[in-house]
């Protein structure tokens, strides 16, 4: 049982490390956020199986659907931004003031 929790914990640590050390590339930030949401939903599923309750699996399904929506919108914004500016670095996003 503790092995499953450690997998979720390590996934979340990798996601936090990816957010901190993303070298300001927006696609890496999106992937790291998706990994953090995946670790969270994995933890909900583990608790759901351990407690023999379906509520955790419902929450995991909601989290994964929100993560899918977030990634599709983020990638659409990133593609539009890269077509306008020519790069996808986070440092040049502050230049979007109109």
N, C-alpha and C. Protein backbone atom coordinates (compact mmCIF):
# COMPACT_ATOMS: atom_id res chain seq x y z
N UNK A 1 0.82 -1.20 0.00
CA UNK A 1 0.00 0.00 0.00
C UNK A 1 0.86 1.26 0.00
N UNK A 2 1.93 1.23 0.80
CA UNK A 2 2.80 2.40 0.87
C UNK A 2 3.58 2.61 -0.42
N UNK A 3 3.77 1.54 -1.18
CA UNK A 3 4.46 1.68 -2.46
C UNK A 3 3.64 2.51 -3.43
N UNK A 4 2.33 2.35 -3.39
CA UNK A 4 1.47 3.12 -4.28
C UNK A 4 1.48 4.60 -3.90
N UNK A 5 1.50 4.87 -2.59
CA UNK A 5 1.58 6.27 -2.16
C UNK A 5 2.93 6.88 -2.53
N UNK A 6 3.98 6.09 -2.48
CA UNK A 6 5.29 6.63 -2.83
C UNK A 6 5.37 6.95 -4.32
N UNK A 7 4.69 6.17 -5.17
CA UNK A 7 4.66 6.48 -6.59
C UNK A 7 3.98 7.82 -6.83
N UNK A 8 2.86 8.03 -6.16
CA UNK A 8 2.15 9.30 -6.29
C UNK A 8 2.99 10.46 -5.76
N UNK A 9 3.66 10.23 -4.65
CA UNK A 9 4.51 11.27 -4.07
C UNK A 9 5.67 11.63 -5.00
N UNK A 10 6.31 10.62 -5.60
CA UNK A 10 7.42 10.88 -6.51
C UNK A 10 6.96 11.57 -7.79
N UNK A 11 5.78 11.20 -8.27
CA UNK A 11 5.24 11.90 -9.44
C UNK A 11 5.01 13.38 -9.13
N UNK A 12 4.48 13.65 -7.94
CA UNK A 12 4.26 15.04 -7.56
C UNK A 12 5.58 15.79 -7.37
N UNK A 13 6.60 15.13 -6.81
CA UNK A 13 7.90 15.78 -6.67
C UNK A 13 8.53 16.08 -8.03
N UNK A 14 8.38 15.17 -8.97
CA UNK A 14 8.89 15.41 -10.32
C UNK A 14 8.17 16.59 -10.96
N UNK A 15 6.86 16.69 -10.70
CA UNK A 15 6.10 17.82 -11.26
C UNK A 15 6.55 19.14 -10.65
N UNK A 16 6.76 19.17 -9.34
CA UNK A 16 7.24 20.40 -8.70
C UNK A 16 8.63 20.75 -9.21
N UNK A 17 9.49 19.75 -9.37
CA UNK A 17 10.82 20.00 -9.91
C UNK A 17 10.74 20.53 -11.34
N UNK A 18 9.80 20.02 -12.12
CA UNK A 18 9.62 20.50 -13.49
C UNK A 18 9.10 21.93 -13.54
N UNK A 19 8.26 22.30 -12.58
CA UNK A 19 7.77 23.68 -12.53
C UNK A 19 8.88 24.64 -12.15
N UNK A 20 9.71 24.23 -11.19
CA UNK A 20 10.79 25.11 -10.73
C UNK A 20 11.90 25.21 -11.77
N UNK A 21 12.29 24.11 -12.36
CA UNK A 21 13.42 24.07 -13.29
C UNK A 21 12.97 23.97 -14.75
N UNK A 22 11.97 24.71 -15.12
CA UNK A 22 11.44 24.59 -16.48
C UNK A 22 12.23 25.40 -17.50
N UNK A 23 13.19 26.14 -17.08
CA UNK A 23 14.00 27.02 -17.93
C UNK A 23 13.13 27.96 -18.75
N UNK A 24 11.98 28.30 -18.21
CA UNK A 24 11.07 29.30 -18.76
C UNK A 24 10.53 28.94 -20.14
N UNK A 25 10.36 27.68 -20.40
CA UNK A 25 9.70 27.23 -21.61
C UNK A 25 8.28 26.86 -21.22
N UNK A 26 7.31 27.44 -21.90
CA UNK A 26 5.91 27.28 -21.50
C UNK A 26 5.39 25.87 -21.67
N UNK A 27 5.86 25.14 -22.65
CA UNK A 27 5.38 23.77 -22.85
C UNK A 27 5.81 22.87 -21.71
N UNK A 28 6.98 23.12 -21.14
CA UNK A 28 7.44 22.35 -19.99
C UNK A 28 6.60 22.65 -18.76
N UNK A 29 6.20 23.90 -18.61
CA UNK A 29 5.31 24.24 -17.50
C UNK A 29 3.96 23.54 -17.63
N UNK A 30 3.42 23.48 -18.83
CA UNK A 30 2.15 22.79 -19.05
C UNK A 30 2.26 21.30 -18.74
N UNK A 31 3.34 20.68 -19.15
CA UNK A 31 3.54 19.26 -18.89
C UNK A 31 3.70 19.01 -17.40
N UNK A 32 4.41 19.90 -16.71
CA UNK A 32 4.59 19.73 -15.28
C UNK A 32 3.28 19.90 -14.52
N UNK A 33 2.44 20.84 -14.94
CA UNK A 33 1.12 20.98 -14.31
C UNK A 33 0.26 19.74 -14.55
N UNK A 34 0.34 19.19 -15.74
CA UNK A 34 -0.43 17.98 -16.04
C UNK A 34 0.06 16.81 -15.19
N UNK A 35 1.35 16.73 -14.97
CA UNK A 35 1.89 15.65 -14.14
C UNK A 35 1.47 15.80 -12.68
N UNK A 36 1.40 17.04 -12.20
CA UNK A 36 0.93 17.27 -10.83
C UNK A 36 -0.53 16.88 -10.68
N UNK A 37 -1.36 17.20 -11.67
CA UNK A 37 -2.76 16.80 -11.61
C UNK A 37 -2.91 15.29 -11.73
N UNK A 38 -2.05 14.65 -12.50
CA UNK A 38 -2.08 13.20 -12.61
C UNK A 38 -1.71 12.54 -11.28
N UNK A 39 -0.72 13.08 -10.60
CA UNK A 39 -0.34 12.54 -9.30
C UNK A 39 -1.46 12.72 -8.28
N UNK A 40 -2.13 13.83 -8.34
CA UNK A 40 -3.26 14.08 -7.43
C UNK A 40 -4.40 13.11 -7.70
N UNK A 41 -4.73 12.89 -8.95
CA UNK A 41 -5.82 11.97 -9.27
C UNK A 41 -5.42 10.53 -8.95
N UNK A 42 -4.17 10.19 -9.12
CA UNK A 42 -3.69 8.86 -8.76
C UNK A 42 -3.83 8.63 -7.26
N UNK A 43 -3.55 9.66 -6.49
CA UNK A 43 -3.70 9.57 -5.04
C UNK A 43 -5.17 9.39 -4.66
N UNK A 44 -6.07 10.08 -5.33
CA UNK A 44 -7.50 9.90 -5.08
C UNK A 44 -7.94 8.47 -5.39
N UNK A 45 -7.42 7.90 -6.47
CA UNK A 45 -7.79 6.53 -6.83
C UNK A 45 -7.26 5.53 -5.81
N UNK A 46 -6.04 5.75 -5.32
CA UNK A 46 -5.49 4.86 -4.30
C UNK A 46 -6.33 4.90 -3.03
N UNK A 47 -6.69 6.10 -2.59
CA UNK A 47 -7.54 6.20 -1.40
C UNK A 47 -8.91 5.60 -1.64
N UNK A 48 -9.43 5.72 -2.84
CA UNK A 48 -10.73 5.15 -3.16
C UNK A 48 -10.70 3.63 -3.07
N UNK A 49 -9.66 3.03 -3.56
CA UNK A 49 -9.54 1.57 -3.49
C UNK A 49 -9.31 1.13 -2.05
N UNK A 50 -8.48 1.86 -1.33
CA UNK A 50 -8.15 1.49 0.05
C UNK A 50 -9.37 1.61 0.96
N UNK A 51 -10.18 2.64 0.78
CA UNK A 51 -11.35 2.86 1.64
C UNK A 51 -12.62 2.21 1.10
N UNK A 52 -12.53 1.57 -0.07
CA UNK A 52 -13.67 0.90 -0.72
C UNK A 52 -14.84 1.87 -0.91
N UNK A 53 -14.53 3.01 -1.52
CA UNK A 53 -15.52 4.05 -1.78
C UNK A 53 -15.29 4.57 -3.19
N UNK A 54 -16.34 4.88 -3.90
CA UNK A 54 -16.23 5.31 -5.29
C UNK A 54 -16.02 6.83 -5.42
N UNK A 55 -16.15 7.55 -4.33
CA UNK A 55 -16.05 9.01 -4.38
C UNK A 55 -14.69 9.48 -4.89
N UNK A 56 -13.63 8.82 -4.49
CA UNK A 56 -12.29 9.19 -4.96
C UNK A 56 -12.13 9.01 -6.45
N UNK A 57 -12.76 7.97 -6.99
CA UNK A 57 -12.66 7.75 -8.43
C UNK A 57 -13.46 8.80 -9.20
N UNK A 58 -14.56 9.26 -8.63
CA UNK A 58 -15.33 10.33 -9.26
C UNK A 58 -14.52 11.62 -9.26
N UNK A 59 -13.87 11.92 -8.14
CA UNK A 59 -13.02 13.11 -8.08
C UNK A 59 -11.85 13.01 -9.07
N UNK A 60 -11.28 11.82 -9.20
CA UNK A 60 -10.19 11.63 -10.16
C UNK A 60 -10.67 11.86 -11.59
N UNK A 61 -11.86 11.40 -11.89
CA UNK A 61 -12.42 11.62 -13.22
C UNK A 61 -12.65 13.11 -13.48
N UNK A 62 -13.13 13.82 -12.49
CA UNK A 62 -13.34 15.27 -12.64
C UNK A 62 -12.01 15.98 -12.82
N UNK A 63 -11.00 15.59 -12.02
CA UNK A 63 -9.67 16.22 -12.12
C UNK A 63 -9.07 15.96 -13.50
N UNK A 64 -9.20 14.75 -14.01
CA UNK A 64 -8.62 14.44 -15.32
C UNK A 64 -9.34 15.15 -16.45
N UNK A 65 -10.66 15.34 -16.32
CA UNK A 65 -11.36 16.09 -17.36
C UNK A 65 -10.98 17.57 -17.33
N UNK A 66 -10.82 18.13 -16.15
CA UNK A 66 -10.36 19.52 -16.05
C UNK A 66 -8.93 19.66 -16.56
N UNK A 67 -8.09 18.66 -16.30
CA UNK A 67 -6.72 18.69 -16.79
C UNK A 67 -6.68 18.63 -18.31
N UNK A 68 -7.57 17.84 -18.91
CA UNK A 68 -7.63 17.78 -20.37
C UNK A 68 -8.06 19.10 -20.97
N UNK A 69 -9.04 19.74 -20.36
CA UNK A 69 -9.50 21.04 -20.83
C UNK A 69 -8.39 22.08 -20.68
N UNK A 70 -7.71 22.04 -19.54
CA UNK A 70 -6.63 23.01 -19.30
C UNK A 70 -5.49 22.84 -20.28
N UNK A 71 -5.14 21.60 -20.59
CA UNK A 71 -4.03 21.39 -21.51
C UNK A 71 -4.40 21.78 -22.93
N UNK A 72 -5.64 21.51 -23.35
CA UNK A 72 -6.02 21.90 -24.71
C UNK A 72 -6.08 23.41 -24.87
N UNK A 73 -6.63 24.10 -23.87
CA UNK A 73 -6.65 25.57 -23.94
C UNK A 73 -5.24 26.16 -23.86
N UNK A 74 -4.42 25.59 -22.99
CA UNK A 74 -3.04 26.08 -22.87
C UNK A 74 -2.25 25.88 -24.14
N UNK A 75 -2.41 24.73 -24.78
CA UNK A 75 -1.70 24.50 -26.04
C UNK A 75 -2.23 25.38 -27.15
N UNK A 76 -3.52 25.66 -27.17
CA UNK A 76 -4.07 26.56 -28.20
C UNK A 76 -3.52 27.98 -28.02
N UNK A 77 -3.47 28.43 -26.78
CA UNK A 77 -2.90 29.76 -26.52
C UNK A 77 -1.42 29.78 -26.86
N UNK A 78 -0.71 28.70 -26.54
CA UNK A 78 0.72 28.62 -26.83
C UNK A 78 0.99 28.62 -28.33
N UNK A 79 0.18 27.94 -29.10
CA UNK A 79 0.36 27.92 -30.56
C UNK A 79 0.08 29.31 -31.14
N UNK A 80 -0.97 29.96 -30.67
CA UNK A 80 -1.27 31.31 -31.16
C UNK A 80 -0.16 32.28 -30.78
N UNK A 81 0.37 32.15 -29.58
CA UNK A 81 1.45 33.03 -29.14
C UNK A 81 2.72 32.78 -29.94
N UNK A 82 3.03 31.49 -30.21
CA UNK A 82 4.26 31.21 -30.95
C UNK A 82 4.16 31.66 -32.40
N UNK A 83 2.96 31.69 -32.96
CA UNK A 83 2.80 32.20 -34.33
C UNK A 83 2.98 33.70 -34.38
N UNK A 84 2.58 34.40 -33.31
CA UNK A 84 2.71 35.85 -33.30
C UNK A 84 4.14 36.28 -32.99
N UNK A 85 4.73 35.70 -31.92
CA UNK A 85 6.04 36.14 -31.45
C UNK A 85 7.21 35.35 -32.02
N UNK A 86 6.99 34.08 -32.36
CA UNK A 86 8.07 33.29 -32.93
C UNK A 86 8.81 32.43 -31.94
N UNK A 87 8.57 32.55 -30.64
CA UNK A 87 9.20 31.69 -29.65
C UNK A 87 8.18 31.36 -28.55
N UNK A 88 8.56 30.42 -27.70
CA UNK A 88 7.65 30.00 -26.64
C UNK A 88 8.30 30.15 -25.27
N UNK A 89 9.19 31.10 -25.14
CA UNK A 89 9.86 31.32 -23.86
C UNK A 89 9.00 32.18 -22.95
N UNK A 90 9.04 31.87 -21.68
CA UNK A 90 8.21 32.56 -20.68
C UNK A 90 8.69 33.98 -20.44
N UNK A 91 9.95 34.26 -20.69
CA UNK A 91 10.49 35.60 -20.43
C UNK A 91 9.91 36.66 -21.36
N UNK A 92 9.48 36.26 -22.55
CA UNK A 92 8.94 37.24 -23.49
C UNK A 92 7.42 37.39 -23.35
N UNK A 93 6.79 36.66 -22.44
CA UNK A 93 5.34 36.80 -22.24
C UNK A 93 5.02 38.13 -21.60
N UNK A 94 5.92 38.68 -20.83
CA UNK A 94 5.68 39.97 -20.17
C UNK A 94 5.61 41.12 -21.17
N UNK A 95 5.99 40.87 -22.39
CA UNK A 95 5.93 41.91 -23.42
C UNK A 95 4.56 42.05 -24.06
N UNK A 96 3.57 41.31 -23.55
CA UNK A 96 2.25 41.31 -24.15
C UNK A 96 1.36 42.46 -23.72
N UNK A 97 1.90 43.46 -23.05
CA UNK A 97 1.11 44.59 -22.61
C UNK A 97 0.60 45.37 -23.82
N UNK A 98 -0.67 45.71 -23.81
CA UNK A 98 -1.24 46.44 -24.95
C UNK A 98 -1.64 47.83 -24.56
